[in-house]
Amino acid sequence: MPFSLRRTLVAISDFREGWPPARDLEPSVDAAADFWRQAPQPLPDTIAHPEVRGGYLERLPLACIRAGLVDRAEVWHHLVSADPETARRDDCGLVRRAFRISRTDPPFSSNSMRGFVKAFGAPRILCVWGLGVDEALLDACADSFKIYNSIDAPALRVPDAVSGRFDLVLTASEWQSDEVRARHPAVPCAVLPIGPEFADPDTFRPLGIEKPYDAVYVAAAQPYKRHDLFFDALAQAPRRMRALCVFGYGEMADELRRQAEERNLDVDFVGPPGVGFTEVNRLMNLAKVGVVCGVDDGAPAILTEYMLAGLPVLANAGLRCGLQYILPAAGRTADESSFAQALARIVEDAATFSPRETVLSRWTWPHSVARLMSVMADTPKGRTLGFDIDH
């Protein structure tokens, strides 16, 4: 059977790779379509019941396969350099493709990506995350059910000409939904952030090991993650606390290490580079409590990942997205003036919480994909495509 995207979910991240930037290598859309039609397609066999695991990029697509919304799923991103465009299958069954970028300023444009759609048709579901893609690709996918999530504190990180073309916008809070409705009254939206939702209880789980650390903070080494609040709390705590910081990436790693040493804090550091999800889970299991210190942040996936690992969460009460996950059985919030005292209390009370059970009953992927399917079925595009009948 000829290859087609008809029963496929495609998720486009705003990740870009490759250096230095390519010059004058971008084909026309028609030339790209001809190239893709003639190129061999190293495509995997369909995995009907894949495990739903990984990060936020993987879990929603895999959950949609498990729910029967699509037969297969792909994750696309942009290639900046002159390196060959790639396609590979990862071990969870997703296909990952890199397409040469045409415009490096967001929202991103790729004639190669548009040519691929022209050659093989639009996917059944198109998910666009973060800084987005241009109108031309969305128009090429007019028949797709198109979903957007900013994965950040701003509800929309794309121009109105782009965001108005989506059939559903997923937000992380009601105030974000209000912002979407103010800009696009006719665009459906729902509070269903892809980070903490679609949670994976098999990767993130208690290990029953010793916990030498009082608290762990898994976050990028970047200013908006507010490691200063964490360090201040450690410095002001009524007793000396031992902490662990895990960085996936970020330009502040060396500076944060220096600050901790200068302040004589008992903090160990891991990364960058980042470690895999299994190792992140092991590192979290070394601590009694997980913290989230940012304010201008999307609903971080780590919220429910901490909880599934058995850690109650202390979150900055100023966090703009995601506080709805801090239920009394799963953690606490504190403003910055009382964060140190709150950290000491939650560490002492850690055994009284039931964070994993809280997530298992609400936010694991079966709960989230059921809500997604219900929301999609209730939209005009969903009814046109038959989601209200099929699901």
Protein backbone atom coordinates (compact mmCIF):
# COMPACT_ATOMS: atom_id res chain seq x y z
CA MET A 1 0.00 0.00 0.00
CA PRO A 2 1.41 3.45 -0.90
CA PHE A 3 2.60 5.49 2.04
CA SER A 4 0.13 8.10 3.29
CA LEU A 5 -0.24 10.34 6.34
CA ARG A 6 -4.01 9.86 6.33
CA ARG A 7 -4.19 7.83 9.58
CA THR A 8 -1.20 9.53 11.20
CA LEU A 9 -0.73 12.06 13.98
CA VAL A 10 2.12 14.49 13.35
CA ALA A 11 3.49 16.58 16.21
CA ILE A 12 5.78 19.46 15.21
CA SER A 13 8.08 20.73 17.94
CA ASP A 14 9.97 24.02 17.80
CA PHE A 15 13.30 22.21 18.16
CA ARG A 16 15.91 23.15 15.58
CA GLU A 17 19.19 21.32 15.03
CA GLY A 18 22.35 21.65 12.99
CA TRP A 19 25.13 24.21 12.52
CA PRO A 20 26.26 26.19 10.61
CA PRO A 21 23.12 27.39 8.81
CA ALA A 22 22.68 26.12 5.28
CA ARG A 23 22.81 28.53 2.35
CA ASP A 24 20.66 28.28 -0.77
CA LEU A 25 19.76 24.62 -0.28
CA GLU A 26 16.02 25.05 0.09
CA PRO A 27 13.99 23.52 -2.77
CA SER A 28 10.65 24.76 -3.98
CA VAL A 29 7.59 23.01 -2.57
CA ASP A 30 7.02 21.21 -5.88
CA ALA A 31 10.65 20.10 -6.10
CA ALA A 32 10.51 18.87 -2.51
CA ALA A 33 7.33 16.92 -3.24
CA ASP A 34 9.01 15.25 -6.23
CA PHE A 35 12.03 14.42 -4.11
CA TRP A 36 9.96 12.81 -1.35
CA ARG A 37 7.90 10.77 -3.82
CA GLN A 38 11.08 9.31 -5.30
CA ALA A 39 12.94 8.82 -2.03
CA PRO A 40 12.75 5.46 -0.25
CA GLN A 41 10.60 5.67 2.85
CA PRO A 42 12.25 3.90 5.81
CA LEU A 43 8.95 3.51 7.61
CA PRO A 44 8.25 1.26 10.54
CA ASP A 45 5.58 -1.33 10.91
CA THR A 46 2.64 0.01 12.88
CA ILE A 47 2.74 -0.71 16.61
CA ALA A 48 -0.90 -1.07 17.57
CA HIS A 49 -0.41 -0.93 21.35
CA PRO A 50 2.77 1.01 22.07
CA GLU A 51 3.82 1.80 25.60
CA VAL A 52 2.96 5.40 26.47
CA ARG A 53 6.24 6.68 27.85
CA GLY A 54 8.85 9.35 27.38
CA GLY A 55 8.51 13.12 27.57
CA TYR A 56 5.67 15.42 26.60
CA LEU A 57 6.63 15.16 22.91
CA GLU A 58 6.10 11.43 22.94
CA ARG A 59 3.26 10.75 25.36
CA LEU A 60 0.35 12.50 23.65
CA PRO A 61 1.03 10.91 20.23
CA LEU A 62 1.49 7.46 21.75
CA ALA A 63 -1.69 7.85 23.81
CA CYS A 64 -3.62 8.76 20.66
CA ILE A 65 -2.42 5.54 19.01
CA ARG A 66 -3.48 3.51 22.04
CA ALA A 67 -6.89 5.21 22.00
CA GLY A 68 -7.43 4.38 18.32
CA LEU A 69 -7.53 7.97 17.11
CA VAL A 70 -4.68 7.23 14.68
CA ASP A 71 -2.70 4.21 13.53
CA ARG A 72 0.76 5.74 13.80
CA ALA A 73 2.50 8.95 14.86
CA GLU A 74 5.48 11.05 13.86
CA VAL A 75 7.43 13.87 15.51
CA TRP A 76 8.85 16.51 13.16
CA HIS A 77 11.37 19.27 13.72
CA HIS A 78 13.48 21.63 11.63
CA LEU A 79 17.02 21.24 10.31
CA VAL A 80 19.04 24.45 10.08
CA SER A 81 22.28 23.06 8.64
CA ALA A 82 23.16 21.45 5.31
CA ASP A 83 23.22 18.00 6.93
CA PRO A 84 21.01 15.39 5.23
CA GLU A 85 17.37 15.36 6.23
CA THR A 86 16.69 12.32 8.36
CA ALA A 87 13.94 9.88 9.25
CA ARG A 88 14.27 7.29 11.98
CA ARG A 89 12.10 5.18 14.20
CA ASP A 90 12.73 5.32 17.92
CA ASP A 91 12.27 2.37 20.22
CA CYS A 92 8.76 3.39 21.27
CA GLY A 93 7.49 3.26 17.68
CA LEU A 94 7.40 6.94 16.76
CA VAL A 95 8.98 8.15 13.52
CA ARG A 96 11.11 11.28 13.84
CA ARG A 97 11.80 13.45 10.82
CA ALA A 98 13.99 16.51 10.36
CA PHE A 99 13.06 18.89 7.53
CA ARG A 100 15.27 21.68 6.24
CA ILE A 101 14.09 25.05 7.45
CA SER A 102 13.24 27.84 5.01
CA ARG A 103 12.77 30.71 7.45
CA THR A 104 14.63 30.71 10.74
CA ASP A 105 12.49 33.36 12.43
CA PRO A 106 9.37 31.99 14.13
CA PRO A 107 6.84 30.90 13.18
CA PHE A 108 9.04 28.55 11.20
CA SER A 109 8.65 27.71 7.53
CA SER A 110 9.87 24.69 5.58
CA ASN A 111 9.27 24.10 1.89
CA SER A 112 10.59 20.58 2.42
CA MET A 113 7.94 19.91 5.06
CA ARG A 114 5.22 21.31 2.83
CA GLY A 115 6.52 19.18 -0.04
CA PHE A 116 6.25 16.09 2.14
CA VAL A 117 2.61 16.91 2.89
CA LYS A 118 1.98 17.56 -0.80
CA ALA A 119 3.48 14.18 -1.66
CA PHE A 120 1.75 12.08 1.00
CA GLY A 121 -1.29 14.05 2.11
CA ALA A 122 -2.15 15.82 5.34
CA PRO A 123 -2.10 13.91 8.64
CA ARG A 124 -5.36 13.12 10.38
CA ILE A 125 -4.21 15.11 13.43
CA LEU A 126 -1.57 17.86 13.34
CA CYS A 127 -0.17 19.07 16.67
CA VAL A 128 1.98 22.19 16.75
CA TRP A 129 3.90 23.09 19.88
CA GLY A 130 5.65 26.25 20.99
CA LEU A 131 6.89 28.79 18.45
CA GLY A 132 4.84 27.23 15.70
CA VAL A 133 4.82 26.94 11.93
CA ASP A 134 3.67 29.36 9.26
CA GLU A 135 0.23 29.69 7.70
CA ALA A 136 1.31 27.94 4.51
CA LEU A 137 1.83 24.61 6.25
CA LEU A 138 -1.43 24.92 8.17
CA ASP A 139 -3.25 25.68 4.92
CA ALA A 140 -1.62 22.62 3.35
CA CYS A 141 -3.10 20.64 6.25
CA ALA A 142 -6.58 22.15 5.93
CA ASP A 143 -8.16 18.70 6.22
CA SER A 144 -6.27 17.85 9.42
CA PHE A 145 -7.56 18.37 12.94
CA LYS A 146 -5.04 21.01 14.07
CA ILE A 147 -4.09 21.40 17.75
CA TYR A 148 -1.82 24.03 19.31
CA ASN A 149 -0.18 24.31 22.74
CA SER A 150 2.34 27.01 23.63
CA ILE A 151 4.16 24.85 26.25
CA ASP A 152 4.94 28.12 28.04
CA ALA A 153 3.34 30.85 30.12
CA PRO A 154 2.09 32.91 27.13
CA ALA A 155 -1.06 31.19 25.89
CA LEU A 156 -0.19 31.88 22.25
CA ARG A 157 3.36 32.27 20.96
CA VAL A 158 2.38 32.66 17.31
CA PRO A 159 0.81 35.54 15.33
CA ASP A 160 -2.97 35.76 15.10
CA ALA A 161 -2.84 34.74 11.43
CA VAL A 162 -1.40 31.42 12.60
CA SER A 163 -3.26 30.80 15.85
CA GLY A 164 -6.63 31.54 14.25
CA ARG A 165 -6.19 28.54 11.93
CA PHE A 166 -6.20 25.93 14.70
CA ASP A 167 -9.20 23.77 15.47
CA LEU A 168 -8.31 23.46 19.16
CA VAL A 169 -5.93 25.28 21.49
CA LEU A 170 -4.80 23.45 24.61
CA THR A 171 -3.96 25.72 27.52
CA ALA A 172 -2.47 25.28 30.98
CA SER A 173 -4.88 27.47 32.96
CA GLU A 174 -8.21 29.26 32.74
CA TRP A 175 -6.51 32.64 32.39
CA GLN A 176 -4.69 31.31 29.32
CA SER A 177 -8.02 30.11 27.90
CA ASP A 178 -9.45 33.58 28.49
CA GLU A 179 -6.55 35.07 26.50
CA VAL A 180 -7.20 32.69 23.62
CA ARG A 181 -10.93 33.49 23.57
CA ALA A 182 -10.18 37.22 23.61
CA ARG A 183 -8.02 36.88 20.48
CA HIS A 184 -10.04 34.15 18.76
CA PRO A 185 -13.63 33.88 20.03
CA ALA A 186 -14.43 31.12 17.53
CA VAL A 187 -11.43 28.89 18.30
CA PRO A 188 -12.23 26.16 20.85
CA CYS A 189 -9.82 25.81 23.76
CA ALA A 190 -9.45 23.50 26.74
CA VAL A 191 -7.26 23.37 29.83
CA LEU A 192 -5.17 20.27 29.10
CA PRO A 193 -1.43 21.07 29.24
CA ILE A 194 0.58 18.40 27.47
CA GLY A 195 3.38 18.45 30.06
CA PRO A 196 1.78 17.30 33.32
CA GLU A 197 -1.08 15.53 31.54
CA PHE A 198 -0.65 12.22 29.67
CA ALA A 199 1.52 11.16 32.60
CA ASP A 200 3.59 7.98 32.40
CA PRO A 201 3.34 5.89 35.61
CA ASP A 202 5.68 3.17 34.37
CA THR A 203 8.75 5.33 33.79
CA PHE A 204 8.15 7.58 36.79
CA ARG A 205 7.63 5.44 39.87
CA PRO A 206 8.90 4.88 43.41
CA LEU A 207 12.00 2.70 43.62
CA GLY A 208 12.09 2.09 47.36
CA ILE A 209 15.69 3.28 47.68
CA GLU A 210 17.38 5.43 50.31
CA LYS A 211 16.73 9.17 50.14
CA PRO A 212 19.91 11.03 51.06
CA TYR A 213 18.57 14.36 49.74
CA ASP A 214 15.90 16.48 51.35
CA ALA A 215 14.83 18.10 48.08
CA VAL A 216 15.42 17.84 44.34
CA TYR A 217 14.86 20.42 41.61
CA VAL A 218 14.72 19.08 38.05
CA ALA A 219 14.77 22.13 35.79
CA ALA A 220 16.71 23.84 33.04
CA ALA A 221 19.60 26.00 34.20
CA GLN A 222 17.86 29.15 33.03
CA PRO A 223 16.75 32.32 34.86
CA TYR A 224 12.99 31.72 34.59
CA LYS A 225 13.30 28.51 36.61
CA ARG A 226 14.24 30.64 39.65
CA HIS A 227 16.94 28.55 41.26
CA ASP A 228 17.66 31.64 43.37
CA LEU A 229 14.45 30.96 45.31
CA PHE A 230 15.55 27.38 45.96
CA PHE A 231 19.00 28.47 47.10
CA ASP A 232 17.53 31.16 49.37
CA ALA A 233 15.24 28.57 50.95
CA LEU A 234 18.16 26.23 51.57
CA ALA A 235 20.18 29.06 53.11
CA GLN A 236 17.32 30.15 55.38
CA ALA A 237 16.12 26.70 56.43
CA PRO A 238 16.08 26.05 60.20
CA ARG A 239 18.50 23.15 59.70
CA ARG A 240 21.10 22.39 57.07
CA MET A 241 19.47 20.67 54.11
CA ARG A 242 20.99 18.53 51.40
CA ALA A 243 19.67 19.14 47.89
CA LEU A 244 20.08 17.91 44.31
CA CYS A 245 19.73 19.96 41.12
CA VAL A 246 19.27 18.14 37.82
CA PHE A 247 19.82 20.18 34.65
CA GLY A 248 18.80 19.01 31.21
CA TYR A 249 20.27 22.08 29.53
CA GLY A 250 20.79 25.77 30.17
CA GLU A 251 23.43 28.44 30.11
CA MET A 252 23.47 29.06 33.89
CA ALA A 253 24.79 25.69 35.04
CA ASP A 254 28.30 26.89 35.88
CA GLU A 255 26.99 30.05 37.51
CA LEU A 256 24.56 28.11 39.71
CA ARG A 257 27.32 25.74 40.78
CA ARG A 258 29.45 28.75 41.70
CA GLN A 259 26.63 30.36 43.67
CA ALA A 260 25.98 27.21 45.67
CA GLU A 261 29.65 26.90 46.53
CA GLU A 262 29.98 30.56 47.51
CA ARG A 263 26.93 30.29 49.76
CA ASN A 264 28.22 27.06 51.32
CA LEU A 265 25.06 25.19 50.36
CA ASP A 266 24.98 21.41 50.40
CA VAL A 267 23.87 20.96 46.78
CA ASP A 268 24.93 18.34 44.27
CA PHE A 269 24.46 18.88 40.54
CA VAL A 270 23.82 16.62 37.55
CA GLY A 271 24.09 17.93 33.97
CA PRO A 272 24.03 19.38 31.50
CA PRO A 273 23.98 17.40 29.32
CA GLY A 274 20.74 15.87 30.41
CA VAL A 275 20.16 12.25 31.33
CA GLY A 276 17.45 9.85 30.19
CA PHE A 277 14.03 9.56 31.79
CA THR A 278 14.90 6.38 33.68
CA GLU A 279 17.89 8.10 35.27
CA VAL A 280 15.82 11.20 36.05
CA ASN A 281 13.39 8.95 37.89
CA ARG A 282 16.24 7.36 39.86
CA LEU A 283 17.63 10.76 40.79
CA MET A 284 14.23 11.99 41.93
CA ASN A 285 13.88 8.89 44.09
CA LEU A 286 16.98 9.99 46.00
CA ALA A 287 15.01 12.91 47.48
CA LYS A 288 12.09 13.31 49.85
CA VAL A 289 10.48 16.30 48.09
CA GLY A 290 10.43 17.88 44.62
CA VAL A 291 10.33 21.64 44.12
CA VAL A 292 9.09 23.94 41.34
CA CYS A 293 10.29 27.50 41.82
CA GLY A 294 9.43 29.33 38.59
CA VAL A 295 6.75 31.94 38.00
CA ASP A 296 6.66 32.69 34.26
CA ASP A 297 6.55 29.06 33.30
CA GLY A 298 4.15 26.79 31.50
CA ALA A 299 2.70 23.93 33.51
CA PRO A 300 5.92 21.92 33.95
CA ALA A 301 5.76 18.21 33.17
CA ILE A 302 7.93 17.60 36.22
CA LEU A 303 4.94 18.36 38.47
CA THR A 304 3.29 15.01 37.87
CA GLU A 305 6.61 13.24 37.25
CA TYR A 306 7.72 14.09 40.79
CA MET A 307 4.38 12.89 42.10
CA LEU A 308 4.46 9.60 40.21
CA ALA A 309 7.91 8.98 41.69
CA GLY A 310 6.28 9.34 45.11
CA LEU A 311 7.53 12.85 45.91
CA PRO A 312 5.21 15.55 47.27
CA VAL A 313 5.77 18.86 45.52
CA LEU A 314 6.43 22.32 46.91
CA ALA A 315 5.60 24.90 44.25
CA ASN A 316 6.03 28.65 44.12
CA ALA A 317 2.56 30.09 44.75
CA GLY A 318 3.29 32.59 41.99
CA LEU A 319 3.57 29.88 39.32
CA ARG A 320 1.34 31.11 36.52
CA CYS A 321 0.41 27.70 35.10
CA GLY A 322 0.02 24.36 36.82
CA LEU A 323 -1.03 25.08 40.38
CA GLN A 324 -4.21 23.05 39.79
CA TYR A 325 -2.04 19.94 40.12
CA ILE A 326 -0.95 20.80 43.66
CA LEU A 327 -3.85 19.17 45.48
CA PRO A 328 -3.59 18.81 49.29
CA ALA A 329 -2.67 15.13 49.04
CA ALA A 330 0.07 15.83 46.49
CA GLY A 331 1.92 18.87 47.80
CA ARG A 332 1.84 22.47 48.94
CA THR A 333 2.38 25.95 47.59
CA ALA A 334 4.16 28.84 49.27
CA ASP A 335 4.88 32.42 48.38
CA GLU A 336 8.48 33.52 48.16
CA SER A 337 8.56 35.10 51.61
CA SER A 338 7.63 31.81 53.29
CA PHE A 339 9.22 29.33 50.88
CA ALA A 340 12.06 28.38 53.25
CA GLN A 341 9.72 27.56 56.12
CA ALA A 342 7.38 25.68 53.79
CA LEU A 343 10.27 23.62 52.44
CA ALA A 344 11.30 22.58 55.94
CA ARG A 345 7.73 21.61 56.83
CA ILE A 346 7.01 19.58 53.69
CA VAL A 347 10.27 17.67 54.08
CA GLU A 348 9.29 16.76 57.63
CA ASP A 349 5.76 15.81 56.55
CA ALA A 350 6.71 14.05 53.30
CA ALA A 351 5.47 10.63 54.43
CA THR A 352 1.94 11.98 55.04
CA PHE A 353 1.26 12.75 51.36
CA SER A 354 -0.04 10.41 48.64
CA PRO A 355 1.18 12.07 45.43
CA ARG A 356 1.37 9.01 43.19
CA GLU A 357 -2.17 7.94 43.99
CA THR A 358 -3.36 11.48 43.26
CA VAL A 359 -1.92 11.36 39.75
CA LEU A 360 -3.01 7.79 39.05
CA SER A 361 -6.63 8.72 39.66
CA ARG A 362 -6.60 11.88 37.53
CA TRP A 363 -3.75 12.66 35.13
CA THR A 364 -2.22 9.52 33.69
CA TRP A 365 -2.48 9.16 29.93
CA PRO A 366 -5.78 7.18 29.83
CA HIS A 367 -7.54 9.99 31.72
CA SER A 368 -5.95 12.70 29.58
CA VAL A 369 -6.56 11.10 26.18
CA ALA A 370 -10.19 10.46 27.11
CA ARG A 371 -10.61 14.17 27.88
CA LEU A 372 -8.81 15.11 24.66
CA MET A 373 -11.08 12.87 22.60
CA SER A 374 -14.17 14.35 24.26
CA VAL A 375 -13.01 17.91 23.60
CA MET A 376 -12.11 17.14 19.97
CA ALA A 377 -15.48 15.50 19.36
CA ASP A 378 -17.25 18.61 20.63
CA THR A 379 -15.56 21.00 18.18
CA PRO A 380 -16.92 21.96 14.75
CA LYS A 381 -13.94 20.34 13.00
CA GLY A 382 -14.24 17.25 15.15
CA ARG A 383 -17.86 16.80 14.14
CA THR A 384 -16.93 17.32 10.48
CA LEU A 385 -14.25 14.62 10.70
CA GLY A 386 -16.52 12.24 12.60
CA PHE A 387 -14.72 12.24 15.94
CA ASP A 388 -18.11 12.61 17.64
CA ILE A 389 -19.24 9.36 15.99
CA ASP A 390 -16.04 7.32 16.15
CA HIS A 391 -15.11 8.21 19.70
